[in-house]
PDB file of N, CA and C in Angstrom:
ATOM      1  N   MET A   1     -26.190 -16.291  28.881  1.00  0.00           N
ATOM      2  CA  MET A   1     -24.769 -16.590  28.794  1.00  0.00           C
ATOM      3  C   MET A   1     -24.007 -15.327  28.353  1.00  0.00           C
ATOM      4  N   SER A   2     -22.843 -15.193  28.857  1.00  0.00           N
ATOM      5  CA  SER A   2     -22.011 -14.050  28.513  1.00  0.00           C
ATOM      6  C   SER A   2     -21.353 -14.270  27.153  1.00  0.00           C
ATOM      7  N   LEU A   3     -21.359 -13.230  26.333  1.00  0.00           N
ATOM      8  CA  LEU A   3     -20.746 -13.334  25.011  1.00  0.00           C
ATOM      9  C   LEU A   3     -19.219 -13.361  25.082  1.00  0.00           C
ATOM     10  N   GLU A   4     -18.647 -12.940  26.200  1.00  0.00           N
ATOM     11  CA  GLU A   4     -17.199 -12.948  26.343  1.00  0.00           C
ATOM     12  C   GLU A   4     -16.638 -14.362  26.289  1.00  0.00           C
ATOM     13  N   ASN A   5     -17.403 -15.313  26.695  1.00  0.00           N
ATOM     14  CA  ASN A   5     -16.930 -16.701  26.721  1.00  0.00           C
ATOM     15  C   ASN A   5     -17.085 -17.404  25.379  1.00  0.00           C
ATOM     16  N   HIS A   6     -17.807 -16.798  24.444  1.00  0.00           N
ATOM     17  CA  HIS A   6     -18.075 -17.418  23.155  1.00  0.00           C
ATOM     18  C   HIS A   6     -17.435 -16.592  22.036  1.00  0.00           C
ATOM     19  N   ARG A   7     -16.137 -16.685  21.937  1.00  0.00           N
ATOM     20  CA  ARG A   7     -15.428 -15.929  20.901  1.00  0.00           C
ATOM     21  C   ARG A   7     -15.296 -16.771  19.647  1.00  0.00           C
ATOM     22  N   ASN A   8     -15.516 -16.121  18.529  1.00  0.00           N
ATOM     23  CA  ASN A   8     -15.350 -16.812  17.252  1.00  0.00           C
ATOM     24  C   ASN A   8     -13.866 -16.958  16.946  1.00  0.00           C
ATOM     25  N   LYS A   9     -13.521 -18.065  16.285  1.00  0.00           N
ATOM     26  CA  LYS A   9     -12.129 -18.262  15.893  1.00  0.00           C
ATOM     27  C   LYS A   9     -11.794 -17.294  14.773  1.00  0.00           C
ATOM     28  N   ILE A  10     -10.656 -16.627  14.910  1.00  0.00           N
ATOM     29  CA  ILE A  10     -10.187 -15.711  13.874  1.00  0.00           C
ATOM     30  C   ILE A  10      -9.501 -16.541  12.802  1.00  0.00           C
ATOM     31  N   PRO A  11      -9.881 -16.384  11.542  1.00  0.00           N
ATOM     32  CA  PRO A  11      -9.272 -17.177  10.477  1.00  0.00           C
ATOM     33  C   PRO A  11      -7.759 -16.938  10.394  1.00  0.00           C
ATOM     34  N   ASP A  12      -7.025 -18.004  10.040  1.00  0.00           N
ATOM     35  CA  ASP A  12      -5.574 -17.901   9.938  1.00  0.00           C
ATOM     36  C   ASP A  12      -5.145 -16.853   8.918  1.00  0.00           C
ATOM     37  N   SER A  13      -5.921 -16.686   7.852  1.00  0.00           N
ATOM     38  CA  SER A  13      -5.566 -15.698   6.831  1.00  0.00           C
ATOM     39  C   SER A  13      -5.547 -14.280   7.411  1.00  0.00           C
ATOM     40  N   LYS A  14      -6.457 -13.996   8.358  1.00  0.00           N
ATOM     41  CA  LYS A  14      -6.476 -12.673   8.980  1.00  0.00           C
ATOM     42  C   LYS A  14      -5.344 -12.523   9.982  1.00  0.00           C
ATOM     43  N   LEU A  15      -4.968 -13.602  10.636  1.00  0.00           N
ATOM     44  CA  LEU A  15      -3.869 -13.528  11.589  1.00  0.00           C
ATOM     45  C   LEU A  15      -2.539 -13.299  10.898  1.00  0.00           C
ATOM     46  N   LEU A  16      -2.429 -13.733   9.652  1.00  0.00           N
ATOM     47  CA  LEU A  16      -1.180 -13.582   8.920  1.00  0.00           C
ATOM     48  C   LEU A  16      -1.084 -12.272   8.151  1.00  0.00           C
ATOM     49  N   MET A  17      -2.101 -11.419   8.214  1.00  0.00           N
ATOM     50  CA  MET A  17      -2.042 -10.130   7.523  1.00  0.00           C
ATOM     51  C   MET A  17      -0.870  -9.332   8.071  1.00  0.00           C
ATOM     52  N   GLY A  18      -0.004  -8.860   7.177  1.00  0.00           N
ATOM     53  CA  GLY A  18       1.167  -8.112   7.598  1.00  0.00           C
ATOM     54  C   GLY A  18       2.344  -8.991   7.953  1.00  0.00           C
ATOM     55  N   SER A  19       2.159 -10.281   7.909  1.00  0.00           N
ATOM     56  CA  SER A  19       3.238 -11.202   8.235  1.00  0.00           C
ATOM     57  C   SER A  19       4.133 -11.413   7.025  1.00  0.00           C
ATOM     58  N   THR A  20       5.411 -11.632   7.264  1.00  0.00           N
ATOM     59  CA  THR A  20       6.350 -11.903   6.174  1.00  0.00           C
ATOM     60  C   THR A  20       6.637 -13.397   6.050  1.00  0.00           C
ATOM     61  N   LYS A  21       5.876 -14.193   6.756  1.00  0.00           N
ATOM     62  CA  LYS A  21       6.047 -15.642   6.682  1.00  0.00           C
ATOM     63  C   LYS A  21       5.659 -16.121   5.277  1.00  0.00           C
ATOM     64  N   ASN A  22       6.490 -16.965   4.693  1.00  0.00           N
ATOM     65  CA  ASN A  22       6.294 -17.522   3.344  1.00  0.00           C
ATOM     66  C   ASN A  22       6.307 -16.441   2.267  1.00  0.00           C
ATOM     67  N   LYS A  23       7.036 -15.342   2.487  1.00  0.00           N
ATOM     68  CA  LYS A  23       7.163 -14.291   1.483  1.00  0.00           C
ATOM     69  C   LYS A  23       8.641 -14.040   1.218  1.00  0.00           C
ATOM     70  N   TYR A  24       8.925 -13.520   0.031  1.00  0.00           N
ATOM     71  CA  TYR A  24      10.298 -13.294  -0.400  1.00  0.00           C
ATOM     72  C   TYR A  24      10.584 -11.791  -0.434  1.00  0.00           C
ATOM     73  N   PRO A  25      11.710 -11.363   0.173  1.00  0.00           N
ATOM     74  CA  PRO A  25      12.024  -9.942   0.146  1.00  0.00           C
ATOM     75  C   PRO A  25      12.690  -9.532  -1.159  1.00  0.00           C
ATOM     76  N   ILE A  26      12.324  -8.372  -1.661  1.00  0.00           N
ATOM     77  CA  ILE A  26      12.968  -7.769  -2.822  1.00  0.00           C
ATOM     78  C   ILE A  26      13.534  -6.440  -2.340  1.00  0.00           C
ATOM     79  N   VAL A  27      14.839  -6.297  -2.441  1.00  0.00           N
ATOM     80  CA  VAL A  27      15.507  -5.079  -1.990  1.00  0.00           C
ATOM     81  C   VAL A  27      15.629  -4.132  -3.171  1.00  0.00           C
ATOM     82  N   LEU A  28      15.099  -2.927  -3.000  1.00  0.00           N
ATOM     83  CA  LEU A  28      15.104  -1.912  -4.049  1.00  0.00           C
ATOM     84  C   LEU A  28      15.780  -0.648  -3.537  1.00  0.00           C
ATOM     85  N   ASP A  29      16.252   0.150  -4.447  1.00  0.00           N
ATOM     86  CA  ASP A  29      16.775   1.475  -4.118  1.00  0.00           C
ATOM     87  C   ASP A  29      17.944   1.394  -3.139  1.00  0.00           C
ATOM     88  N   ASP A  30      18.868   0.470  -3.403  1.00  0.00           N
ATOM     89  CA  ASP A  30      20.062   0.267  -2.559  1.00  0.00           C
ATOM     90  C   ASP A  30      19.719   0.011  -1.099  1.00  0.00           C
ATOM     91  N   GLY A  31      18.666  -0.735  -0.856  1.00  0.00           N
ATOM     92  CA  GLY A  31      18.290  -1.104   0.501  1.00  0.00           C
ATOM     93  C   GLY A  31      17.357  -0.134   1.196  1.00  0.00           C
ATOM     94  N   LYS A  32      16.976   0.947   0.542  1.00  0.00           N
ATOM     95  CA  LYS A  32      16.068   1.914   1.157  1.00  0.00           C
ATOM     96  C   LYS A  32      14.635   1.395   1.179  1.00  0.00           C
ATOM     97  N   THR A  33      14.305   0.530   0.225  1.00  0.00           N
ATOM     98  CA  THR A  33      12.952  -0.001   0.105  1.00  0.00           C
ATOM     99  C   THR A  33      13.009  -1.512   0.021  1.00  0.00           C
ATOM    100  N   ILE A  34      12.208  -2.183   0.828  1.00  0.00           N
ATOM    101  CA  ILE A  34      12.103  -3.638   0.788  1.00  0.00           C
ATOM    102  C   ILE A  34      10.636  -3.981   0.605  1.00  0.00           C
ATOM    103  N   ILE A  35      10.368  -4.797  -0.413  1.00  0.00           N
ATOM    104  CA  ILE A  35       9.009  -5.229  -0.695  1.00  0.00           C
ATOM    105  C   ILE A  35       8.964  -6.740  -0.531  1.00  0.00           C
ATOM    106  N   PHE A  36       7.959  -7.242   0.160  1.00  0.00           N
ATOM    107  CA  PHE A  36       7.792  -8.674   0.347  1.00  0.00           C
ATOM    108  C   PHE A  36       6.693  -9.165  -0.585  1.00  0.00           C
ATOM    109  N   ILE A  37       7.016 -10.194  -1.391  1.00  0.00           N
ATOM    110  CA  ILE A  37       6.038 -10.755  -2.315  1.00  0.00           C
ATOM    111  C   ILE A  37       5.911 -12.249  -2.060  1.00  0.00           C
ATOM    112  N   SER A  38       4.764 -12.798  -2.399  1.00  0.00           N
ATOM    113  CA  SER A  38       4.530 -14.221  -2.172  1.00  0.00           C
ATOM    114  C   SER A  38       4.930 -15.067  -3.377  1.00  0.00           C
ATOM    115  N   ASP A  39       5.024 -14.453  -4.565  1.00  0.00           N
ATOM    116  CA  ASP A  39       5.354 -15.190  -5.779  1.00  0.00           C
ATOM    117  C   ASP A  39       6.683 -14.668  -6.326  1.00  0.00           C
ATOM    118  N   LEU A  40       7.736 -15.457  -6.159  1.00  0.00           N
ATOM    119  CA  LEU A  40       9.078 -15.030  -6.558  1.00  0.00           C
ATOM    120  C   LEU A  40       9.203 -14.873  -8.067  1.00  0.00           C
ATOM    121  N   SER A  41       8.329 -15.498  -8.836  1.00  0.00           N
ATOM    122  CA  SER A  41       8.408 -15.393 -10.290  1.00  0.00           C
ATOM    123  C   SER A  41       8.028 -13.995 -10.789  1.00  0.00           C
ATOM    124  N   LYS A  42       7.425 -13.164  -9.937  1.00  0.00           N
ATOM    125  CA  LYS A  42       7.020 -11.816 -10.335  1.00  0.00           C
ATOM    126  C   LYS A  42       8.049 -10.759  -9.933  1.00  0.00           C
ATOM    127  N   GLU A  43       9.237 -11.190  -9.518  1.00  0.00           N
ATOM    128  CA  GLU A  43      10.250 -10.244  -9.052  1.00  0.00           C
ATOM    129  C   GLU A  43      10.643  -9.241 -10.133  1.00  0.00           C
ATOM    130  N   LYS A  44      10.872  -9.708 -11.343  1.00  0.00           N
ATOM    131  CA  LYS A  44      11.288  -8.822 -12.429  1.00  0.00           C
ATOM    132  C   LYS A  44      10.207  -7.780 -12.714  1.00  0.00           C
ATOM    133  N   GLU A  45       8.953  -8.211 -12.754  1.00  0.00           N
ATOM    134  CA  GLU A  45       7.839  -7.301 -13.011  1.00  0.00           C
ATOM    135  C   GLU A  45       7.751  -6.235 -11.909  1.00  0.00           C
ATOM    136  N   ILE A  46       7.924  -6.635 -10.668  1.00  0.00           N
ATOM    137  CA  ILE A  46       7.853  -5.702  -9.539  1.00  0.00           C
ATOM    138  C   ILE A  46       8.977  -4.670  -9.642  1.00  0.00           C
ATOM    139  N   ARG A  47      10.190  -5.125  -9.975  1.00  0.00           N
ATOM    140  CA  ARG A  47      11.320  -4.200 -10.112  1.00  0.00           C
ATOM    141  C   ARG A  47      11.071  -3.178 -11.229  1.00  0.00           C
ATOM    142  N   GLU A  48      10.549  -3.652 -12.361  1.00  0.00           N
ATOM    143  CA  GLU A  48      10.271  -2.750 -13.482  1.00  0.00           C
ATOM    144  C   GLU A  48       9.191  -1.732 -13.125  1.00  0.00           C
ATOM    145  N   ARG A  49       8.121  -2.173 -12.485  1.00  0.00           N
ATOM    146  CA  ARG A  49       7.046  -1.262 -12.095  1.00  0.00           C
ATOM    147  C   ARG A  49       7.538  -0.227 -11.085  1.00  0.00           C
ATOM    148  N   TYR A  50       8.405  -0.652 -10.166  1.00  0.00           N
ATOM    149  CA  TYR A  50       8.954   0.277  -9.180  1.00  0.00           C
ATOM    150  C   TYR A  50       9.786   1.357  -9.861  1.00  0.00           C
ATOM    151  N   GLN A  51      10.607   0.957 -10.830  1.00  0.00           N
ATOM    152  CA  GLN A  51      11.444   1.929 -11.536  1.00  0.00           C
ATOM    153  C   GLN A  51      10.592   2.924 -12.328  1.00  0.00           C
ATOM    154  N   VAL A  52       9.550   2.447 -12.973  1.00  0.00           N
ATOM    155  CA  VAL A  52       8.667   3.329 -13.738  1.00  0.00           C
ATOM    156  C   VAL A  52       8.006   4.336 -12.806  1.00  0.00           C
ATOM    157  N   ARG A  53       7.515   3.878 -11.667  1.00  0.00           N
ATOM    158  CA  ARG A  53       6.859   4.787 -10.722  1.00  0.00           C
ATOM    159  C   ARG A  53       7.853   5.767 -10.125  1.00  0.00           C
ATOM    160  N   ARG A  54       9.050   5.295  -9.858  1.00  0.00           N
ATOM    161  CA  ARG A  54      10.076   6.153  -9.265  1.00  0.00           C
ATOM    162  C   ARG A  54      10.508   7.234 -10.253  1.00  0.00           C
ATOM    163  N   ASN A  55      10.646   6.885 -11.513  1.00  0.00           N
ATOM    164  CA  ASN A  55      11.070   7.845 -12.517  1.00  0.00           C
ATOM    165  C   ASN A  55       9.962   8.829 -12.895  1.00  0.00           C
ATOM    166  N   SER A  56       8.708   8.460 -12.697  1.00  0.00           N
ATOM    167  CA  SER A  56       7.608   9.335 -13.093  1.00  0.00           C
ATOM    168  C   SER A  56       7.284  10.378 -12.026  1.00  0.00           C
ATOM    169  N   LYS A  57       7.803  10.234 -10.830  1.00  0.00           N
ATOM    170  CA  LYS A  57       7.520  11.195  -9.772  1.00  0.00           C
ATOM    171  C   LYS A  57       8.247  12.511 -10.030  1.00  0.00           C
ATOM    172  N   PHE A  58       7.793  13.531  -9.367  1.00  0.00           N
ATOM    173  CA  PHE A  58       8.407  14.847  -9.472  1.00  0.00           C
ATOM    174  C   PHE A  58       9.861  14.750  -9.027  1.00  0.00           C
ATOM    175  N   ASN A  59      10.753  15.315  -9.817  1.00  0.00           N
ATOM    176  CA  ASN A  59      12.166  15.271  -9.518  1.00  0.00           C
ATOM    177  C   ASN A  59      12.496  16.327  -8.453  1.00  0.00           C
ATOM    178  N   PRO A  60      12.932  15.919  -7.254  1.00  0.00           N
ATOM    179  CA  PRO A  60      13.192  16.901  -6.194  1.00  0.00           C
ATOM    180  C   PRO A  60      14.406  17.790  -6.487  1.00  0.00           C
ATOM    181  N   ASN A  61      15.263  17.434  -7.428  1.00  0.00           N
ATOM    182  CA  ASN A  61      16.431  18.232  -7.754  1.00  0.00           C
ATOM    183  C   ASN A  61      16.115  19.342  -8.768  1.00  0.00           C
ATOM    184  N   PHE A  62      14.884  19.351  -9.268  1.00  0.00           N
ATOM    185  CA  PHE A  62      14.471  20.356 -10.239  1.00  0.00           C
ATOM    186  C   PHE A  62      14.390  21.716  -9.549  1.00  0.00           C
ATOM    187  N   LYS A  63      15.067  22.693 -10.147  1.00  0.00           N
ATOM    188  CA  LYS A  63      15.068  24.037  -9.572  1.00  0.00           C
ATOM    189  C   LYS A  63      14.175  24.952 -10.398  1.00  0.00           C
ATOM    190  N   LYS A  64      13.309  25.635  -9.702  1.00  0.00           N
ATOM    191  CA  LYS A  64      12.378  26.544 -10.349  1.00  0.00           C
ATOM    192  C   LYS A  64      13.153  27.777 -10.837  1.00  0.00           C
ATOM    193  N   PRO A  65      12.926  28.196 -12.074  1.00  0.00           N
ATOM    194  CA  PRO A  65      13.643  29.383 -12.564  1.00  0.00           C
ATOM    195  C   PRO A  65      13.280  30.626 -11.745  1.00  0.00           C
ATOM    196  N   SER A  66      14.283  31.397 -11.420  1.00  0.00           N
ATOM    197  CA  SER A  66      14.001  32.620 -10.653  1.00  0.00           C
ATOM    198  C   SER A  66      13.528  33.713 -11.586  1.00  0.00           C
ATOM    199  N   SER A  67      12.614  34.546 -11.102  1.00  0.00           N
ATOM    200  CA  SER A  67      12.079  35.601 -11.968  1.00  0.00           C
ATOM    201  C   SER A  67      12.612  36.940 -11.588  1.00  0.00           C
TER     202      SER A  67
END
């Protein structure tokens, strides 16, 4: 028998990977960044973590002293 005719069913969880179905959008950085989360009760925590990570990155406006 040909294996092409006997395909395994792909689980629904794998089909929904990357899907925004049943997820809530959180708009950050004046609309530049949108994060989708499944638990709306964690919105505050996500916003705080994003701000901490954003503030800890190298500041692109920093000018190196000229020698």
